[in-house]
Amino acid sequence: MAEAQFLIRHAGPHVTIQDAGRPGLSRYGVPASGAMDRPALALANAALGNPPGAACVEVSPGGLQLELTRGAITLAVAGGGFVVEVNGQKGGSWSVLTLTAGDRMTIRPGPWGSWTYLAFAGALQAAEWLGACATHSTSGLGGGRLVFGGTLTVQNAETRPRRAGPIPCPVWCRPRHEVPLVLGPQDRFFPAHAVQALLEQPFHLTASHDRMGVRLDGPRLMPESALSIPSEAVLRGAVQVSGDGVVTVLLADHQTTGGYPKIATLAGAETDRFAQLRPGDTVLFRAVSPRAALLMARQRAAQTDACLAALARKP
């Protein structure tokens, strides 16, 4: 049984092992976690012929450097506009390449995006928690965070040279600065001018940004007597507002319940694109109906399925 082993020479903050997550457990207080950009993880795996939810390394803007110390293996990198450098030769993400023992690969931020995914032609060995390798960032449960001096082992490692080359990057994998959302469920706790500010004034992503959520800099949306509402379930993409009027958008590792009012929720099809925005980026929100958000989600699912099918047909 072929095995490939990597030495971790550098791993920035929030570089973790992720997979499709653990949905269906929020009722027990367990966040779903999983990839910040779920289509990108699925496309990286599909480019190698792996199952769409197979465990990958999620690389943050902190970057990653690996040295292959044993074996040979084909890899795929998809998500964001990152730079991929192998033995001093620069390339980009959205590509499939093969490494042999002694090769060094560096992944670092490029012109756009906050997350990219490194998939392996084989089975990445990682700890499971509640049936998934996805790492919950605050507890560390799951596959875990990559650290300097650690190792990564891939069982059943293969080279798949016929899959080498670029991976088409769908336009909907790129972030956009106009983000659709659905008002509610607690928009009634905000005065009309606060809702108007949400939809008409720009916000900026701040450096208070991790896998749980991102705080936005913009107009203060002061709620009216809403801070005593009962704690309730919250979703990825919820736009929650604290007592001082600061807006936070919840992301993959968000808490499962909360008592802050949610003035709106990002359209589900856009949460992964939103996650690829960087601190300092400007975002404008526009309201859509629940029906329109549902149609957008169905369209995105069909687009993703079509891309996955096309990659599966690749030799």
Protein backbone atom coordinates (compact mmCIF):
# COMPACT_ATOMS: atom_id res chain seq x y z
CA MET A 1 0.00 0.00 0.00
CA ALA A 2 1.63 3.24 -1.17
CA GLU A 3 2.04 5.99 1.39
CA ALA A 4 3.03 9.64 1.03
CA GLN A 5 4.27 11.70 3.95
CA PHE A 6 4.71 15.46 4.22
CA LEU A 7 6.70 17.53 6.68
CA ILE A 8 4.97 20.78 7.64
CA ARG A 9 7.59 23.53 7.29
CA HIS A 10 5.15 26.41 7.82
CA ALA A 11 1.45 26.69 8.62
CA GLY A 12 -0.24 30.02 9.25
CA PRO A 13 -3.18 30.66 11.57
CA HIS A 14 -6.43 28.86 10.75
CA VAL A 15 -4.78 26.28 8.47
CA THR A 16 -6.79 23.16 9.35
CA ILE A 17 -8.07 19.86 8.06
CA GLN A 18 -11.63 20.17 6.78
CA ASP A 19 -14.17 18.05 4.95
CA ALA A 20 -17.88 18.40 4.21
CA GLY A 21 -18.59 18.95 7.91
CA ARG A 22 -21.04 17.35 10.32
CA PRO A 23 -24.52 18.66 9.46
CA GLY A 24 -27.57 17.66 11.46
CA LEU A 25 -25.97 17.98 14.89
CA SER A 26 -26.76 21.61 15.68
CA ARG A 27 -29.72 20.45 17.79
CA TYR A 28 -27.11 19.01 20.16
CA GLY A 29 -25.02 22.16 20.22
CA VAL A 30 -22.44 20.86 17.73
CA PRO A 31 -21.49 23.30 14.92
CA ALA A 32 -21.40 21.87 11.40
CA SER A 33 -17.94 23.33 10.70
CA GLY A 34 -16.52 22.05 7.39
CA ALA A 35 -15.04 24.11 4.58
CA MET A 36 -15.50 27.87 4.55
CA ASP A 37 -15.90 27.56 0.76
CA ARG A 38 -17.73 24.28 0.27
CA PRO A 39 -17.87 24.28 -3.56
CA ALA A 40 -14.11 24.89 -3.74
CA LEU A 41 -13.41 21.88 -1.51
CA ALA A 42 -15.72 19.73 -3.63
CA LEU A 43 -14.09 20.89 -6.88
CA ALA A 44 -10.58 20.23 -5.58
CA ASN A 45 -11.59 16.67 -4.74
CA ALA A 46 -13.46 16.13 -8.00
CA ALA A 47 -10.41 17.25 -9.99
CA LEU A 48 -8.63 14.18 -8.57
CA GLY A 49 -11.57 11.80 -8.82
CA ASN A 50 -12.11 11.80 -5.04
CA PRO A 51 -15.51 11.90 -3.31
CA PRO A 52 -16.62 15.57 -3.06
CA GLY A 53 -16.48 15.63 0.76
CA ALA A 54 -13.09 13.95 1.25
CA ALA A 55 -10.77 15.50 3.83
CA CYS A 56 -8.53 18.31 2.57
CA VAL A 57 -6.26 20.95 4.02
CA GLU A 58 -7.94 24.35 4.19
CA VAL A 59 -5.29 27.04 3.71
CA SER A 60 -5.83 30.53 5.13
CA PRO A 61 -4.04 33.74 4.12
CA GLY A 62 -1.36 32.67 6.63
CA GLY A 63 -0.11 30.24 3.99
CA LEU A 64 1.37 26.75 4.05
CA GLN A 65 4.68 25.12 3.13
CA LEU A 66 5.06 21.35 2.84
CA GLU A 67 7.96 19.07 1.94
CA LEU A 68 7.18 15.64 0.57
CA THR A 69 9.57 13.38 2.48
CA ARG A 70 8.32 10.00 1.27
CA GLY A 71 6.46 8.70 -1.77
CA ALA A 72 4.92 10.41 -4.78
CA ILE A 73 1.43 11.85 -5.05
CA THR A 74 -0.87 13.96 -7.20
CA LEU A 75 -2.48 17.01 -5.56
CA ALA A 76 -5.16 19.53 -6.45
CA VAL A 77 -5.45 23.13 -5.24
CA ALA A 78 -8.75 24.98 -5.71
CA GLY A 79 -10.32 28.05 -4.13
CA GLY A 80 -9.26 31.66 -4.09
CA GLY A 81 -6.58 33.21 -6.27
CA PHE A 82 -3.62 31.80 -4.33
CA VAL A 83 -0.01 31.36 -5.48
CA VAL A 84 1.35 27.81 -5.56
CA GLU A 85 5.12 27.45 -5.76
CA VAL A 86 6.91 24.11 -6.23
CA ASN A 87 10.70 24.07 -5.93
CA GLY A 88 10.81 27.75 -6.81
CA GLN A 89 8.50 27.48 -9.84
CA LYS A 90 5.45 29.69 -9.39
CA GLY A 91 1.98 28.77 -10.50
CA GLY A 92 -1.52 29.34 -9.26
CA SER A 93 -4.35 27.63 -7.49
CA TRP A 94 -7.00 25.88 -9.56
CA SER A 95 -4.50 23.30 -10.74
CA VAL A 96 -3.54 19.64 -10.43
CA LEU A 97 0.13 18.71 -10.01
CA THR A 98 2.31 15.78 -8.94
CA LEU A 99 5.06 15.83 -6.32
CA THR A 100 7.85 13.35 -5.70
CA ALA A 101 10.01 12.86 -2.62
CA GLY A 102 12.12 15.93 -1.87
CA ASP A 103 9.76 18.43 -3.51
CA ARG A 104 8.70 21.50 -1.56
CA MET A 105 5.40 23.25 -2.14
CA THR A 106 4.40 26.67 -0.83
CA ILE A 107 0.84 28.03 -0.93
CA ARG A 108 0.37 31.73 -0.18
CA PRO A 109 -2.20 34.44 -0.89
CA GLY A 110 -2.43 35.82 -4.39
CA PRO A 111 -4.67 38.47 -5.93
CA TRP A 112 -7.97 37.41 -4.35
CA GLY A 113 -9.64 35.11 -1.87
CA SER A 114 -9.18 34.08 1.76
CA TRP A 115 -9.30 30.26 1.57
CA THR A 116 -7.95 27.57 -0.73
CA TYR A 117 -8.08 23.78 -0.53
CA LEU A 118 -5.34 21.19 -0.94
CA ALA A 119 -6.72 17.79 -1.91
CA PHE A 120 -4.79 14.53 -2.15
CA ALA A 121 -4.99 11.53 -4.51
CA GLY A 122 -5.37 9.16 -1.59
CA ALA A 123 -6.79 9.08 1.92
CA LEU A 124 -5.52 11.87 4.17
CA GLN A 125 -5.08 10.41 7.64
CA ALA A 126 -6.84 12.60 10.20
CA ALA A 127 -8.69 12.19 13.47
CA GLU A 128 -12.46 11.99 13.28
CA TRP A 129 -14.93 13.52 15.70
CA LEU A 130 -18.61 12.60 15.47
CA GLY A 131 -18.10 11.04 12.07
CA ALA A 132 -16.16 13.84 10.35
CA CYS A 133 -12.60 15.13 10.09
CA ALA A 134 -13.73 18.76 9.94
CA THR A 135 -11.87 20.81 12.53
CA HIS A 136 -13.90 22.93 14.94
CA SER A 137 -11.51 25.85 15.34
CA THR A 138 -12.28 26.92 18.92
CA SER A 139 -12.17 23.41 20.46
CA GLY A 140 -9.63 21.86 18.09
CA LEU A 141 -11.79 18.73 17.79
CA GLY A 142 -11.63 16.93 14.47
CA GLY A 143 -8.63 16.63 12.17
CA GLY A 144 -6.90 19.53 13.85
CA ARG A 145 -4.78 22.54 13.01
CA LEU A 146 -1.55 22.14 11.08
CA VAL A 147 1.56 23.14 13.02
CA PHE A 148 5.22 23.65 12.19
CA GLY A 149 7.20 20.44 12.43
CA GLY A 150 4.15 18.19 12.19
CA THR A 151 3.48 15.64 9.48
CA LEU A 152 0.69 14.73 7.10
CA THR A 153 0.26 11.14 5.97
CA VAL A 154 -1.74 10.01 2.93
CA GLN A 155 -2.57 6.32 2.60
CA ASN A 156 -3.22 4.72 -0.80
CA ALA A 157 -1.30 7.60 -2.37
CA GLU A 158 -1.39 7.66 -6.16
CA THR A 159 0.01 9.65 -9.03
CA ARG A 160 -2.65 10.51 -11.59
CA PRO A 161 -0.73 12.27 -14.38
CA ARG A 162 -3.68 12.28 -16.77
CA ARG A 163 -5.48 14.63 -14.39
CA ALA A 164 -2.64 17.18 -14.33
CA GLY A 165 -3.31 20.71 -15.51
CA PRO A 166 -5.66 23.59 -14.78
CA ILE A 167 -9.03 23.30 -13.07
CA PRO A 168 -11.64 25.64 -14.56
CA CYS A 169 -12.55 28.30 -11.98
CA PRO A 170 -16.30 29.04 -12.18
CA VAL A 171 -17.13 32.73 -12.06
CA TRP A 172 -19.44 32.07 -9.11
CA CYS A 173 -16.49 30.91 -7.02
CA ARG A 174 -15.12 34.44 -7.02
CA PRO A 175 -16.32 36.79 -4.27
CA ARG A 176 -18.50 39.70 -5.20
CA HIS A 177 -19.00 42.92 -3.33
CA GLU A 178 -22.78 43.10 -3.72
CA VAL A 179 -24.27 40.41 -1.50
CA PRO A 180 -27.95 39.41 -1.50
CA LEU A 181 -29.66 38.77 1.83
CA VAL A 182 -33.12 38.08 3.20
CA LEU A 183 -34.34 40.44 5.91
CA GLY A 184 -35.19 38.83 9.23
CA PRO A 185 -35.92 37.03 11.36
CA GLN A 186 -35.60 39.98 13.81
CA ASP A 187 -35.59 43.00 11.51
CA ARG A 188 -38.74 44.11 13.34
CA PHE A 189 -36.57 45.06 16.32
CA PHE A 190 -34.77 47.73 14.28
CA PRO A 191 -36.01 51.19 13.30
CA ALA A 192 -36.65 51.81 9.61
CA HIS A 193 -33.56 54.00 9.25
CA ALA A 194 -31.33 51.13 10.52
CA VAL A 195 -32.73 48.70 7.95
CA GLN A 196 -32.29 51.38 5.29
CA ALA A 197 -28.66 51.87 6.34
CA LEU A 198 -28.03 48.13 6.07
CA LEU A 199 -29.27 48.13 2.49
CA GLU A 200 -27.90 51.45 1.27
CA GLN A 201 -24.57 52.11 2.98
CA PRO A 202 -21.28 50.27 2.47
CA PHE A 203 -19.68 48.02 5.08
CA HIS A 204 -16.05 46.94 5.32
CA LEU A 205 -14.70 43.62 6.56
CA THR A 206 -12.45 44.09 9.56
CA ALA A 207 -9.45 42.12 10.81
CA SER A 208 -11.78 40.55 13.44
CA HIS A 209 -12.22 37.65 11.05
CA ASP A 210 -11.98 33.92 11.68
CA ARG A 211 -13.89 30.72 10.99
CA MET A 212 -16.66 31.69 13.42
CA GLY A 213 -17.51 34.97 11.74
CA VAL A 214 -16.39 38.39 10.60
CA ARG A 215 -17.14 41.74 12.19
CA LEU A 216 -18.04 44.56 9.83
CA ASP A 217 -17.17 48.23 10.03
CA GLY A 218 -20.01 50.49 8.93
CA PRO A 219 -23.09 52.28 10.20
CA ARG A 220 -24.21 51.30 13.69
CA LEU A 221 -27.58 49.53 13.53
CA MET A 222 -28.94 50.16 17.00
CA PRO A 223 -31.70 47.68 17.95
CA GLU A 224 -34.76 48.75 19.89
CA SER A 225 -35.24 46.66 23.07
CA ALA A 226 -34.20 43.43 21.36
CA LEU A 227 -31.40 42.27 23.62
CA SER A 228 -33.74 40.34 25.91
CA ILE A 229 -35.03 37.99 23.21
CA PRO A 230 -34.70 34.26 24.05
CA SER A 231 -31.64 32.46 22.75
CA GLU A 232 -32.50 30.60 19.56
CA ALA A 233 -30.91 28.62 16.75
CA VAL A 234 -28.65 30.55 14.36
CA LEU A 235 -27.47 29.79 10.84
CA ARG A 236 -24.34 30.23 8.77
CA GLY A 237 -24.74 33.59 7.05
CA ALA A 238 -26.80 35.17 9.85
CA VAL A 239 -26.25 38.93 10.11
CA GLN A 240 -26.39 39.51 13.85
CA VAL A 241 -26.16 42.84 15.63
CA SER A 242 -24.74 43.33 19.12
CA GLY A 243 -26.02 45.85 21.64
CA ASP A 244 -23.60 48.53 20.40
CA GLY A 245 -24.98 48.23 16.85
CA VAL A 246 -21.95 46.42 15.38
CA VAL A 247 -22.74 43.94 12.60
CA THR A 248 -21.23 40.44 12.51
CA VAL A 249 -21.77 37.82 9.79
CA LEU A 250 -21.60 34.25 11.09
CA LEU A 251 -19.51 31.68 9.18
CA ALA A 252 -18.67 27.96 9.27
CA ASP A 253 -17.82 27.53 12.96
CA HIS A 254 -20.61 29.77 14.27
CA GLN A 255 -22.26 29.00 17.59
CA THR A 256 -25.46 27.00 17.33
CA THR A 257 -27.63 29.36 19.41
CA GLY A 258 -27.58 33.04 20.27
CA GLY A 259 -29.66 35.84 21.68
CA TYR A 260 -28.48 38.77 19.59
CA PRO A 261 -31.05 39.96 17.06
CA LYS A 262 -30.49 38.82 13.47
CA ILE A 263 -31.47 41.66 11.20
CA ALA A 264 -30.96 39.53 8.08
CA THR A 265 -29.46 36.32 6.70
CA LEU A 266 -27.24 36.02 3.64
CA ALA A 267 -28.80 34.14 0.74
CA GLY A 268 -27.53 30.59 1.21
CA ALA A 269 -25.95 30.44 -2.24
CA GLU A 270 -23.74 33.42 -1.38
CA THR A 271 -22.24 32.46 1.99
CA ASP A 272 -19.27 30.67 0.42
CA ARG A 273 -18.54 33.59 -1.91
CA PHE A 274 -18.80 35.99 1.01
CA ALA A 275 -16.26 33.90 2.95
CA GLN A 276 -13.69 34.55 0.21
CA LEU A 277 -13.75 38.32 0.83
CA ARG A 278 -10.70 39.72 2.64
CA PRO A 279 -10.37 42.16 5.55
CA GLY A 280 -10.66 45.67 4.17
CA ASP A 281 -12.97 44.66 1.31
CA THR A 282 -16.15 46.68 0.84
CA VAL A 283 -19.53 44.99 0.72
CA LEU A 284 -22.97 46.27 -0.20
CA PHE A 285 -26.07 44.35 0.84
CA ARG A 286 -29.26 44.11 -1.20
CA ALA A 287 -32.53 42.55 -0.08
CA VAL A 288 -34.12 39.65 -1.96
CA SER A 289 -37.25 37.67 -1.17
CA PRO A 290 -37.08 34.23 0.46
CA ARG A 291 -38.33 32.73 -2.80
CA ALA A 292 -35.59 34.45 -4.79
CA ALA A 293 -32.98 33.19 -2.32
CA LEU A 294 -34.33 29.65 -2.70
CA LEU A 295 -34.14 29.88 -6.50
CA MET A 296 -30.57 31.18 -6.24
CA ALA A 297 -29.63 28.20 -4.04
CA ARG A 298 -31.16 25.75 -6.52
CA GLN A 299 -29.35 27.39 -9.42
CA ARG A 300 -26.02 27.29 -7.56
CA ALA A 301 -26.53 23.63 -6.70
CA ALA A 302 -27.19 22.85 -10.37
CA GLN A 303 -24.10 24.81 -11.44
CA THR A 304 -21.95 23.02 -8.87
CA ASP A 305 -23.27 19.61 -9.93
CA ALA A 306 -22.50 20.41 -13.57
CA CYS A 307 -18.92 21.38 -12.72
CA LEU A 308 -18.41 18.28 -10.61
CA ALA A 309 -19.77 16.09 -13.40
CA ALA A 310 -17.44 17.71 -15.95
CA LEU A 311 -14.44 17.11 -13.71
CA ALA A 312 -15.50 13.50 -13.11
CA ARG A 313 -15.42 12.91 -16.88
CA LYS A 314 -11.82 14.11 -17.10
CA PRO A 315 -9.46 11.15 -17.79
